[in-house]
């Protein structure tokens, strides 16, 4: 599990560790990890050209000490100081190792014939406010086109929210220390991090507010049939989706549900769509008892009725319900069935749908997805899955999981219908809404990556690749 902690949590953990270590030891651990990551990224050090952008905080100190280590390994290292006050020990170490230092106001221009191969962003630490000062913006503009390795987080992003309201660094690689931060997992800041490499510092950390499932977590959570299982014990998922106007939504919702993760799929809906479902999926049957409902995709004008029917059955039998697409707009945020927990639910909006549900602008949702996913979970009293490049799954108490599997090719019509069916199957198989939504999102993204192989895909292919992803999962661990 990748765990993301707040700045306050990290600082408290670092203070506790520093009290037990010699002075400067923690910074040197970070610097060694940073230097090794830069060396690995470059492929070698001797004769390579590295430029450090150094601010006044400890991240600047990390960059200076790492630069000294790289210089001792044969790299040509230059530091542009962006503050009159920088880490003295790091500055002395870099000079002693033969590094070149350009003070504020000096000629901070790439030397002719010696343009750096990588820039190390040590401008700001995790406690900095969003945005960059003009001098940092000018320095980055002079280095446009040179790949950036960020120290801890790209300078200028909001570390605890993942937001990017002001100018900020865009990195090819981010080397972080001790634990991930929210900005590494949550967009739009996560999109500015590039690849993220974690250097373990041995911090004693509390429970995180944001986390991201990995393959071992999915393997542990995934419901697996017992030796004596039959189709009913494995769960029956009911799908109420599609209409005469949007038959494809019903077919794709069923395709997501019929990936083998539950024992049976029932389709209840438009007669014409039902005929097409049976042709495409002869194993799917009609109305009857279920253990979970998927409702809304492509329901059109019938969305209110299908939602009401699903909620009535869910209330009577205490069943979980996944609500998507057209049915989302029929939900009352004060619906007592959801708020009381009598009907466990997962809502799966994209940014536009969530904007309508909350009365906000779509641009604001996309700029602050973590904030609004949590706000929606609180408002509706149930799990909310906000689709995006890094899909977020939030509970009413604020706990959130970010999905980091997937490919840009997954941005294709019908992919959300498949996701809804897939999560519904996991609900029917016994996972609670939070686990079902986050495991389903992980499998959905991994299946898209598997079938894409770097090229375009359509939604139906994603459903077909889920079985391959499950087969490739690592052996489940006995504990998280």
Protein backbone atom coordinates (compact mmCIF):
# COMPACT_ATOMS: atom_id res chain seq x y z
CA UNK A 1 0.00 0.00 0.00
CA UNK A 2 1.35 3.41 -0.89
CA UNK A 3 0.52 5.71 1.98
CA UNK A 4 0.44 9.49 1.73
CA UNK A 5 0.87 11.62 4.83
CA UNK A 6 0.39 15.30 5.51
CA UNK A 7 3.19 17.79 6.06
CA UNK A 8 2.33 17.95 9.77
CA UNK A 9 2.50 14.17 10.12
CA UNK A 10 5.83 13.99 8.29
CA UNK A 11 7.40 16.75 10.32
CA UNK A 12 6.34 15.15 13.58
CA UNK A 13 7.77 11.79 12.49
CA UNK A 14 11.03 13.39 11.32
CA UNK A 15 11.38 15.25 14.62
CA UNK A 16 10.97 12.00 16.51
CA UNK A 17 13.63 10.28 14.41
CA UNK A 18 16.09 13.19 14.50
CA UNK A 19 15.96 13.15 18.30
CA UNK A 20 17.48 9.66 18.15
CA UNK A 21 20.08 10.32 15.42
CA UNK A 22 23.29 12.35 15.27
CA UNK A 23 22.83 15.88 13.94
CA UNK A 24 22.56 15.95 10.16
CA UNK A 25 22.19 12.18 9.80
CA UNK A 26 18.63 12.36 8.45
CA UNK A 27 19.59 14.89 5.77
CA UNK A 28 22.51 12.73 4.69
CA UNK A 29 20.21 9.72 4.36
CA UNK A 30 17.97 11.79 2.11
CA UNK A 31 20.93 13.18 0.13
CA UNK A 32 22.41 9.73 -0.51
CA UNK A 33 19.02 8.49 -1.72
CA UNK A 34 18.60 11.53 -3.96
CA UNK A 35 22.09 11.25 -5.42
CA UNK A 36 21.62 7.56 -6.19
CA UNK A 37 18.24 8.21 -7.84
CA UNK A 38 19.74 10.95 -10.04
CA UNK A 39 22.67 8.68 -10.96
CA UNK A 40 20.30 5.84 -11.83
CA UNK A 41 18.14 8.18 -13.87
CA UNK A 42 21.17 9.46 -15.82
CA UNK A 43 22.59 5.96 -16.22
CA UNK A 44 26.07 7.10 -15.14
CA UNK A 45 27.73 10.00 -13.33
CA UNK A 46 31.21 10.55 -14.74
CA UNK A 47 31.23 13.55 -17.04
CA UNK A 48 27.46 14.16 -16.71
CA UNK A 49 26.24 17.72 -16.17
CA UNK A 50 23.92 18.40 -13.23
CA UNK A 51 22.45 21.77 -12.26
CA UNK A 52 20.94 22.42 -8.83
CA UNK A 53 18.29 25.07 -8.21
CA UNK A 54 18.69 25.78 -4.50
CA UNK A 55 16.29 27.56 -2.17
CA UNK A 56 16.55 28.39 1.51
CA UNK A 57 14.95 25.28 3.01
CA UNK A 58 16.09 21.79 3.84
CA UNK A 59 15.22 20.61 0.32
CA UNK A 60 17.95 22.96 -0.86
CA UNK A 61 20.27 21.32 1.65
CA UNK A 62 19.34 17.88 0.33
CA UNK A 63 20.10 19.06 -3.21
CA UNK A 64 23.48 20.55 -2.23
CA UNK A 65 24.62 17.44 -0.34
CA UNK A 66 23.43 15.20 -3.20
CA UNK A 67 25.28 17.44 -5.64
CA UNK A 68 28.46 17.01 -3.59
CA UNK A 69 28.08 13.24 -3.73
CA UNK A 70 27.54 13.34 -7.49
CA UNK A 71 30.53 15.63 -7.97
CA UNK A 72 32.73 13.16 -6.07
CA UNK A 73 31.58 10.52 -8.56
CA UNK A 74 32.78 12.59 -11.50
CA UNK A 75 29.74 14.66 -12.41
CA UNK A 76 30.03 18.32 -13.27
CA UNK A 77 27.74 20.00 -10.75
CA UNK A 78 26.65 23.62 -10.70
CA UNK A 79 24.32 25.23 -8.15
CA UNK A 80 22.24 28.33 -8.77
CA UNK A 81 21.36 29.84 -5.41
CA UNK A 82 17.89 31.39 -5.37
CA UNK A 83 18.18 32.74 -1.84
CA UNK A 84 20.76 34.71 0.11
CA UNK A 85 20.41 32.12 2.86
CA UNK A 86 20.97 28.47 1.98
CA UNK A 87 22.05 25.38 3.92
CA UNK A 88 25.63 26.17 4.99
CA UNK A 89 26.77 22.58 5.46
CA UNK A 90 25.45 21.54 2.05
CA UNK A 91 27.04 24.55 0.37
CA UNK A 92 30.41 23.83 1.98
CA UNK A 93 30.20 20.17 0.95
CA UNK A 94 29.47 21.05 -2.67
CA UNK A 95 32.35 23.52 -2.87
CA UNK A 96 34.72 21.02 -1.25
CA UNK A 97 33.74 18.43 -3.87
CA UNK A 98 34.56 20.84 -6.71
CA UNK A 99 31.04 22.01 -7.52
CA UNK A 100 30.48 25.45 -9.03
CA UNK A 101 28.23 27.88 -7.15
CA UNK A 102 26.42 30.85 -8.70
CA UNK A 103 25.05 33.21 -6.03
CA UNK A 104 21.81 35.19 -6.33
CA UNK A 105 22.33 37.97 -8.85
CA UNK A 106 25.17 36.07 -10.51
CA UNK A 107 25.18 34.93 -14.11
CA UNK A 108 22.50 32.27 -13.87
CA UNK A 109 22.60 31.23 -17.50
CA UNK A 110 23.59 27.81 -18.87
CA UNK A 111 27.23 28.04 -19.95
CA UNK A 112 27.86 27.72 -23.68
CA UNK A 113 28.50 24.09 -24.56
CA UNK A 114 27.71 22.99 -21.02
CA UNK A 115 23.92 22.90 -20.94
CA UNK A 116 22.92 20.61 -18.05
CA UNK A 117 21.50 17.15 -18.68
CA UNK A 118 19.31 17.30 -15.59
CA UNK A 119 18.04 19.99 -13.24
CA UNK A 120 17.55 19.15 -9.55
CA UNK A 121 14.66 21.14 -8.09
CA UNK A 122 15.62 22.06 -4.53
CA UNK A 123 13.75 25.36 -4.64
CA UNK A 124 11.12 24.75 -1.97
CA UNK A 125 10.39 22.19 0.72
CA UNK A 126 7.14 20.48 1.63
CA UNK A 127 6.20 23.37 3.90
CA UNK A 128 6.28 25.95 1.12
CA UNK A 129 3.19 27.77 -0.10
CA UNK A 130 1.89 27.02 -3.60
CA UNK A 131 3.55 28.99 -6.37
CA UNK A 132 7.06 30.07 -7.36
CA UNK A 133 8.82 33.38 -6.87
CA UNK A 134 9.71 35.32 -10.04
CA UNK A 135 13.43 34.49 -9.77
CA UNK A 136 12.64 30.76 -9.71
CA UNK A 137 10.32 31.13 -12.67
CA UNK A 138 13.03 32.96 -14.61
CA UNK A 139 15.62 30.29 -13.81
CA UNK A 140 13.31 27.51 -14.96
CA UNK A 141 12.51 29.42 -18.16
CA UNK A 142 16.23 29.58 -18.97
CA UNK A 143 16.41 25.81 -18.52
CA UNK A 144 13.30 24.96 -20.52
CA UNK A 145 13.58 21.55 -22.12
CA UNK A 146 15.99 20.13 -19.54
CA UNK A 147 14.45 17.26 -17.52
CA UNK A 148 13.83 18.06 -13.85
CA UNK A 149 14.29 15.81 -10.82
CA UNK A 150 12.26 17.26 -7.95
CA UNK A 151 13.38 16.94 -4.34
CA UNK A 152 10.45 15.60 -2.26
CA UNK A 153 7.76 17.37 -4.33
CA UNK A 154 7.81 19.62 -7.40
CA UNK A 155 8.23 23.13 -6.01
CA UNK A 156 5.07 25.21 -6.10
CA UNK A 157 2.42 22.49 -5.75
CA UNK A 158 0.12 22.27 -2.74
CA UNK A 159 1.53 19.27 -0.89
CA UNK A 160 -1.47 18.40 1.29
CA UNK A 161 -4.24 18.86 -1.29
CA UNK A 162 -2.69 17.93 -4.63
CA UNK A 163 -3.80 21.26 -6.05
CA UNK A 164 -1.74 23.50 -8.34
CA UNK A 165 -3.27 26.97 -8.14
CA UNK A 166 -0.01 28.80 -8.95
CA UNK A 167 3.04 28.33 -11.21
CA UNK A 168 4.97 25.21 -10.28
CA UNK A 169 7.71 22.83 -11.38
CA UNK A 170 6.90 19.94 -13.71
CA UNK A 171 9.28 17.05 -13.01
CA UNK A 172 10.28 13.96 -14.94
CA UNK A 173 11.16 12.26 -11.62
CA UNK A 174 10.32 13.12 -8.03
CA UNK A 175 12.48 11.67 -5.25
CA UNK A 176 10.58 11.77 -1.97
CA UNK A 177 11.62 10.81 1.54
CA UNK A 178 10.07 8.77 4.32
CA UNK A 179 6.58 8.48 2.85
CA UNK A 180 4.51 9.62 -0.08
CA UNK A 181 2.65 12.91 0.22
CA UNK A 182 -0.83 13.66 -1.03
CA UNK A 183 0.60 15.58 -4.00
CA UNK A 184 2.25 12.39 -5.28
CA UNK A 185 -1.06 10.53 -5.57
CA UNK A 186 -3.70 13.19 -6.21
CA UNK A 187 -4.09 15.19 -9.42
CA UNK A 188 -3.37 17.73 -10.69
CA UNK A 189 -0.15 17.80 -8.63
CA UNK A 190 0.51 14.09 -9.26
CA UNK A 191 0.68 14.87 -12.96
CA UNK A 192 3.55 17.28 -12.23
CA UNK A 193 5.59 14.67 -10.33
CA UNK A 194 6.52 12.34 -13.17
CA UNK A 195 7.75 9.02 -11.84
CA UNK A 196 7.95 8.95 -8.03
CA UNK A 197 10.82 7.25 -6.18
CA UNK A 198 10.53 6.78 -2.42
CA UNK A 199 13.64 6.81 -0.20
CA UNK A 200 12.88 5.05 3.08
CA UNK A 201 14.06 6.98 6.12
CA UNK A 202 12.63 4.68 8.78
CA UNK A 203 9.93 7.10 9.96
CA UNK A 204 7.31 6.03 12.49
CA UNK A 205 4.13 7.29 10.83
CA UNK A 206 0.43 7.37 11.80
CA UNK A 207 -2.48 6.18 9.65
CA UNK A 208 -2.58 8.05 6.33
CA UNK A 209 -5.48 10.07 4.99
CA UNK A 210 -4.75 9.07 1.39
CA UNK A 211 -3.45 5.75 0.14
CA UNK A 212 -3.06 3.82 -3.09
CA UNK A 213 -3.58 0.09 -3.55
CA UNK A 214 -0.79 -1.99 -5.04
CA UNK A 215 -0.92 -5.45 -6.57
CA UNK A 216 -0.41 -7.29 -3.26
CA UNK A 217 -3.25 -5.29 -1.69
CA UNK A 218 -5.62 -6.17 -4.51
CA UNK A 219 -4.60 -9.83 -4.29
CA UNK A 220 -5.37 -9.80 -0.56
CA UNK A 221 -8.75 -8.07 -0.91
CA UNK A 222 -10.04 -9.82 -4.02
CA UNK A 223 -12.85 -12.30 -3.21
CA UNK A 224 -11.85 -15.81 -4.29
CA UNK A 225 -14.16 -18.82 -4.53
CA UNK A 226 -14.00 -21.37 -1.74
CA UNK A 227 -13.42 -25.02 -2.58
CA UNK A 228 -17.14 -25.73 -2.15
CA UNK A 229 -18.36 -22.55 -3.88
CA UNK A 230 -21.34 -22.41 -6.24
CA UNK A 231 -22.76 -19.56 -8.27
CA UNK A 232 -25.02 -18.27 -5.52
CA UNK A 233 -22.40 -18.27 -2.77
CA UNK A 234 -20.08 -16.29 -5.05
CA UNK A 235 -22.65 -13.51 -5.36
CA UNK A 236 -25.29 -12.45 -7.86
CA UNK A 237 -25.13 -8.95 -9.31
CA UNK A 238 -28.14 -7.27 -10.87
CA UNK A 239 -27.72 -4.69 -13.65
CA UNK A 240 -30.35 -2.06 -14.40
CA UNK A 241 -28.72 -0.09 -17.22
CA UNK A 242 -29.24 0.81 -20.85
CA UNK A 243 -32.33 1.86 -22.75
CA UNK A 244 -33.68 1.90 -26.28
CA UNK A 245 -31.79 5.15 -26.78
CA UNK A 246 -28.55 3.94 -25.19
CA UNK A 247 -28.38 0.15 -25.54
CA UNK A 248 -24.57 0.08 -25.51
CA UNK A 249 -24.45 1.29 -21.92
CA UNK A 250 -26.43 -1.76 -20.83
CA UNK A 251 -24.20 -4.13 -22.80
CA UNK A 252 -21.01 -2.62 -21.40
CA UNK A 253 -22.30 -2.54 -17.82
CA UNK A 254 -23.11 -6.23 -18.15
CA UNK A 255 -19.68 -6.88 -19.69
CA UNK A 256 -18.04 -5.33 -16.62
CA UNK A 257 -20.22 -7.37 -14.28
CA UNK A 258 -19.70 -10.59 -16.24
CA UNK A 259 -15.95 -10.81 -15.81
CA UNK A 260 -16.18 -13.87 -13.56
CA UNK A 261 -15.70 -12.02 -10.28
CA UNK A 262 -19.25 -12.86 -9.17
CA UNK A 263 -21.15 -16.09 -9.64
CA UNK A 264 -24.04 -14.78 -11.72
CA UNK A 265 -25.28 -11.66 -13.51
CA UNK A 266 -28.95 -10.73 -13.86
CA UNK A 267 -30.05 -8.10 -16.38
CA UNK A 268 -33.27 -6.21 -15.69
CA UNK A 269 -34.17 -3.56 -18.23
CA UNK A 270 -35.36 -2.69 -21.70
CA UNK A 271 -36.59 -5.74 -23.63
CA UNK A 272 -34.64 -4.88 -26.76
CA UNK A 273 -31.47 -4.40 -24.72
CA UNK A 274 -32.12 -7.67 -22.88
CA UNK A 275 -32.20 -9.53 -26.21
CA UNK A 276 -28.85 -8.03 -27.18
CA UNK A 277 -27.40 -8.82 -23.76
CA UNK A 278 -28.40 -12.48 -24.10
CA UNK A 279 -26.83 -12.66 -27.54
CA UNK A 280 -23.55 -11.16 -26.32
CA UNK A 281 -23.56 -12.87 -22.90
CA UNK A 282 -25.61 -16.09 -22.94
CA UNK A 283 -24.65 -16.75 -19.30
CA UNK A 284 -26.60 -13.69 -18.13
CA UNK A 285 -30.11 -14.36 -16.81
CA UNK A 286 -33.19 -12.27 -16.03
CA UNK A 287 -34.86 -10.91 -12.91
CA UNK A 288 -34.47 -12.56 -9.52
CA UNK A 289 -32.73 -12.21 -6.17
CA UNK A 290 -29.37 -10.43 -6.19
CA UNK A 291 -26.69 -9.43 -3.70
CA UNK A 292 -25.94 -6.02 -5.29
CA UNK A 293 -27.40 -3.64 -7.87
CA UNK A 294 -25.73 -1.60 -10.61
CA UNK A 295 -28.02 1.15 -11.84
CA UNK A 296 -28.00 4.18 -14.09
CA UNK A 297 -25.71 3.90 -17.10
CA UNK A 298 -27.63 4.81 -20.24
CA UNK A 299 -30.95 4.72 -18.39
CA UNK A 300 -32.05 8.00 -19.97
CA UNK A 301 -35.55 9.11 -19.10
CA UNK A 302 -36.12 5.90 -17.18
CA UNK A 303 -33.35 6.66 -14.68
CA UNK A 304 -35.65 7.82 -11.89
CA UNK A 305 -37.76 4.66 -12.11
CA UNK A 306 -34.85 2.22 -12.27
CA UNK A 307 -33.13 3.95 -9.36
CA UNK A 308 -36.29 3.84 -7.25
CA UNK A 309 -36.79 0.13 -8.00
CA UNK A 310 -33.19 -0.69 -7.13
CA UNK A 311 -33.32 1.30 -3.88
CA UNK A 312 -36.60 -0.30 -2.86
CA UNK A 313 -35.16 -3.79 -3.32
CA UNK A 314 -31.91 -2.77 -1.64
CA UNK A 315 -33.79 -1.41 1.37
CA UNK A 316 -35.88 -4.55 1.72
CA UNK A 317 -32.90 -6.90 1.53
CA UNK A 318 -30.13 -4.57 2.78
CA UNK A 319 -28.18 -4.71 -0.49
CA UNK A 320 -25.40 -2.44 -1.73
CA UNK A 321 -26.09 -0.31 -4.81
CA UNK A 322 -23.76 1.26 -7.34
CA UNK A 323 -25.24 4.43 -8.84
CA UNK A 324 -23.82 5.82 -12.08
CA UNK A 325 -24.53 8.25 -14.91
CA UNK A 326 -28.20 9.23 -15.40
CA UNK A 327 -29.23 7.87 -12.01
CA UNK A 328 -26.79 10.18 -10.21
CA UNK A 329 -28.93 13.17 -11.14
CA UNK A 330 -31.97 11.53 -9.54
CA UNK A 331 -30.32 11.13 -6.15
CA UNK A 332 -31.40 13.30 -3.26
CA UNK A 333 -28.30 14.23 -1.22
CA UNK A 334 -30.46 13.84 1.87
CA UNK A 335 -31.64 10.34 0.87
CA UNK A 336 -32.06 8.66 4.28
CA UNK A 337 -31.36 5.20 2.87
CA UNK A 338 -27.83 6.27 1.99
CA UNK A 339 -27.11 8.58 4.88
CA UNK A 340 -28.22 6.02 7.45
CA UNK A 341 -26.17 3.27 5.85
CA UNK A 342 -29.32 1.17 5.43
CA UNK A 343 -28.38 0.91 1.76
CA UNK A 344 -24.58 0.87 1.33
CA UNK A 345 -23.78 2.72 -1.87
CA UNK A 346 -21.06 3.70 -4.31
CA UNK A 347 -21.58 6.77 -6.49
CA UNK A 348 -19.36 6.93 -9.59
CA UNK A 349 -19.47 10.39 -11.19
CA UNK A 350 -17.00 11.97 -13.56
CA UNK A 351 -16.08 15.62 -13.00
CA UNK A 352 -19.01 16.96 -15.02
CA UNK A 353 -21.53 14.81 -13.19
CA UNK A 354 -20.09 15.71 -9.80
CA UNK A 355 -20.23 19.40 -10.73
CA UNK A 356 -23.96 19.06 -11.37
CA UNK A 357 -24.47 17.08 -8.16
CA UNK A 358 -22.71 19.72 -6.03
CA UNK A 359 -23.70 22.82 -7.97
CA UNK A 360 -20.07 23.63 -8.81
CA UNK A 361 -18.16 24.40 -12.00
CA UNK A 362 -16.49 21.46 -13.70
CA UNK A 363 -13.19 23.36 -13.88
CA UNK A 364 -13.24 23.73 -10.10
CA UNK A 365 -13.85 19.98 -9.65
CA UNK A 366 -10.90 19.19 -11.90
CA UNK A 367 -8.68 21.70 -10.08
CA UNK A 368 -9.60 20.38 -6.60
CA UNK A 369 -10.65 16.73 -7.04
CA UNK A 370 -9.69 15.55 -3.54
CA UNK A 371 -11.60 18.39 -1.90
CA UNK A 372 -14.76 17.75 -3.89
CA UNK A 373 -14.64 13.94 -3.74
CA UNK A 374 -14.53 14.19 0.06
CA UNK A 375 -17.22 16.87 0.07
CA UNK A 376 -19.53 14.69 -2.03
CA UNK A 377 -18.93 11.65 0.20
CA UNK A 378 -19.89 13.72 3.24
CA UNK A 379 -22.91 15.28 1.54
CA UNK A 380 -24.37 12.01 0.26
CA UNK A 381 -23.26 9.90 3.20
CA UNK A 382 -21.70 7.14 1.12
CA UNK A 383 -18.62 6.17 -0.89
CA UNK A 384 -17.94 8.43 -3.87
CA UNK A 385 -15.66 7.43 -6.73
CA UNK A 386 -14.57 10.44 -8.77
CA UNK A 387 -13.28 9.29 -12.14
CA UNK A 388 -10.12 10.82 -13.51
CA UNK A 389 -6.52 10.14 -14.48
CA UNK A 390 -5.99 9.21 -10.84
CA UNK A 391 -9.48 8.13 -9.81
CA UNK A 392 -10.31 8.95 -6.19
CA UNK A 393 -12.47 6.84 -3.87
CA UNK A 394 -13.59 8.70 -0.74
CA UNK A 395 -15.57 7.72 2.35
CA UNK A 396 -17.70 10.14 4.38
CA UNK A 397 -14.98 10.19 7.09
CA UNK A 398 -12.48 11.52 4.52
CA UNK A 399 -10.37 8.40 4.06
CA UNK A 400 -9.44 8.26 0.39
CA UNK A 401 -7.74 5.90 -2.04
CA UNK A 402 -6.18 7.06 -5.30
CA UNK A 403 -5.97 4.71 -8.27
CA UNK A 404 -2.64 4.96 -10.08
CA UNK A 405 -3.16 2.15 -12.61
CA UNK A 406 -4.43 2.96 -16.08
CA UNK A 407 -3.46 4.52 -19.39
CA UNK A 408 -4.59 7.66 -21.23
CA UNK A 409 -6.16 5.33 -23.81
CA UNK A 410 -8.74 4.46 -21.14
CA UNK A 411 -10.39 7.83 -21.79
CA UNK A 412 -12.87 6.22 -24.17
CA UNK A 413 -16.65 6.02 -24.43
CA UNK A 414 -18.20 3.30 -22.30
CA UNK A 415 -15.22 2.74 -20.01
CA UNK A 416 -17.22 4.04 -17.05
CA UNK A 417 -20.05 1.61 -17.80
CA UNK A 418 -17.60 -1.29 -17.61
CA UNK A 419 -16.19 0.08 -14.35
CA UNK A 420 -19.65 0.26 -12.79
CA UNK A 421 -20.41 -3.35 -13.65
CA UNK A 422 -17.03 -4.49 -12.38
CA UNK A 423 -17.49 -2.76 -9.02
CA UNK A 424 -21.03 -4.15 -8.78
CA UNK A 425 -19.68 -7.67 -9.16
CA UNK A 426 -17.23 -7.08 -6.32
CA UNK A 427 -20.05 -5.72 -4.14
CA UNK A 428 -22.08 -8.84 -4.85
CA UNK A 429 -19.06 -11.01 -4.05
CA UNK A 430 -18.89 -9.50 -0.57
CA UNK A 431 -16.55 -6.52 -0.56
CA UNK A 432 -17.68 -3.41 1.29
CA UNK A 433 -18.27 -0.30 -0.86
CA UNK A 434 -14.88 1.31 -0.15
CA UNK A 435 -12.90 -1.83 -0.98
CA UNK A 436 -15.11 -2.75 -3.94
CA UNK A 437 -14.74 0.69 -5.51
CA UNK A 438 -10.97 0.92 -5.01
CA UNK A 439 -10.24 -2.70 -6.04
CA UNK A 440 -12.55 -2.37 -9.03
CA UNK A 441 -10.90 0.86 -10.11
CA UNK A 442 -7.44 -0.71 -9.78
CA UNK A 443 -8.44 -3.77 -11.85
CA UNK A 444 -10.12 -1.55 -14.44
CA UNK A 445 -6.98 0.54 -14.91
CA UNK A 446 -4.68 -2.47 -14.93
CA UNK A 447 -6.87 -4.25 -17.48
CA UNK A 448 -6.80 -1.20 -19.74
CA UNK A 449 -3.01 -1.06 -19.55
CA UNK A 450 -2.74 -4.79 -20.25
CA UNK A 451 -4.93 -4.77 -23.33
CA UNK A 452 -3.68 -1.42 -24.63
CA UNK A 453 0.02 -2.30 -24.80
CA UNK A 454 0.60 1.35 -25.61
CA UNK A 455 -2.11 1.65 -28.25
CA UNK A 456 -5.80 2.55 -28.53
CA UNK A 457 -8.56 0.48 -26.97
CA UNK A 458 -12.33 0.38 -26.71
CA UNK A 459 -14.30 -0.22 -23.54
CA UNK A 460 -15.31 -3.80 -24.27
CA UNK A 461 -11.67 -4.84 -24.49
CA UNK A 462 -11.13 -3.66 -20.92
CA UNK A 463 -13.74 -6.06 -19.59
CA UNK A 464 -12.15 -8.89 -21.54
CA UNK A 465 -8.74 -8.27 -19.97
CA UNK A 466 -9.81 -8.39 -16.31
CA UNK A 467 -9.31 -12.17 -16.08
CA UNK A 468 -5.72 -11.83 -17.34
CA UNK A 469 -5.00 -9.18 -14.70
CA UNK A 470 -6.40 -11.34 -11.91
CA UNK A 471 -4.33 -14.32 -13.07
CA UNK A 472 -1.18 -12.15 -13.01
CA UNK A 473 -1.73 -10.86 -9.46
CA UNK A 474 0.95 -11.80 -6.93
CA UNK A 475 0.16 -14.41 -4.33
CA UNK A 476 -1.98 -12.75 -1.64
CA UNK A 477 -0.22 -11.77 1.56
CA UNK A 478 -1.69 -12.71 4.91
CA UNK A 479 -1.61 -9.12 6.20
CA UNK A 480 -1.77 -5.61 4.70
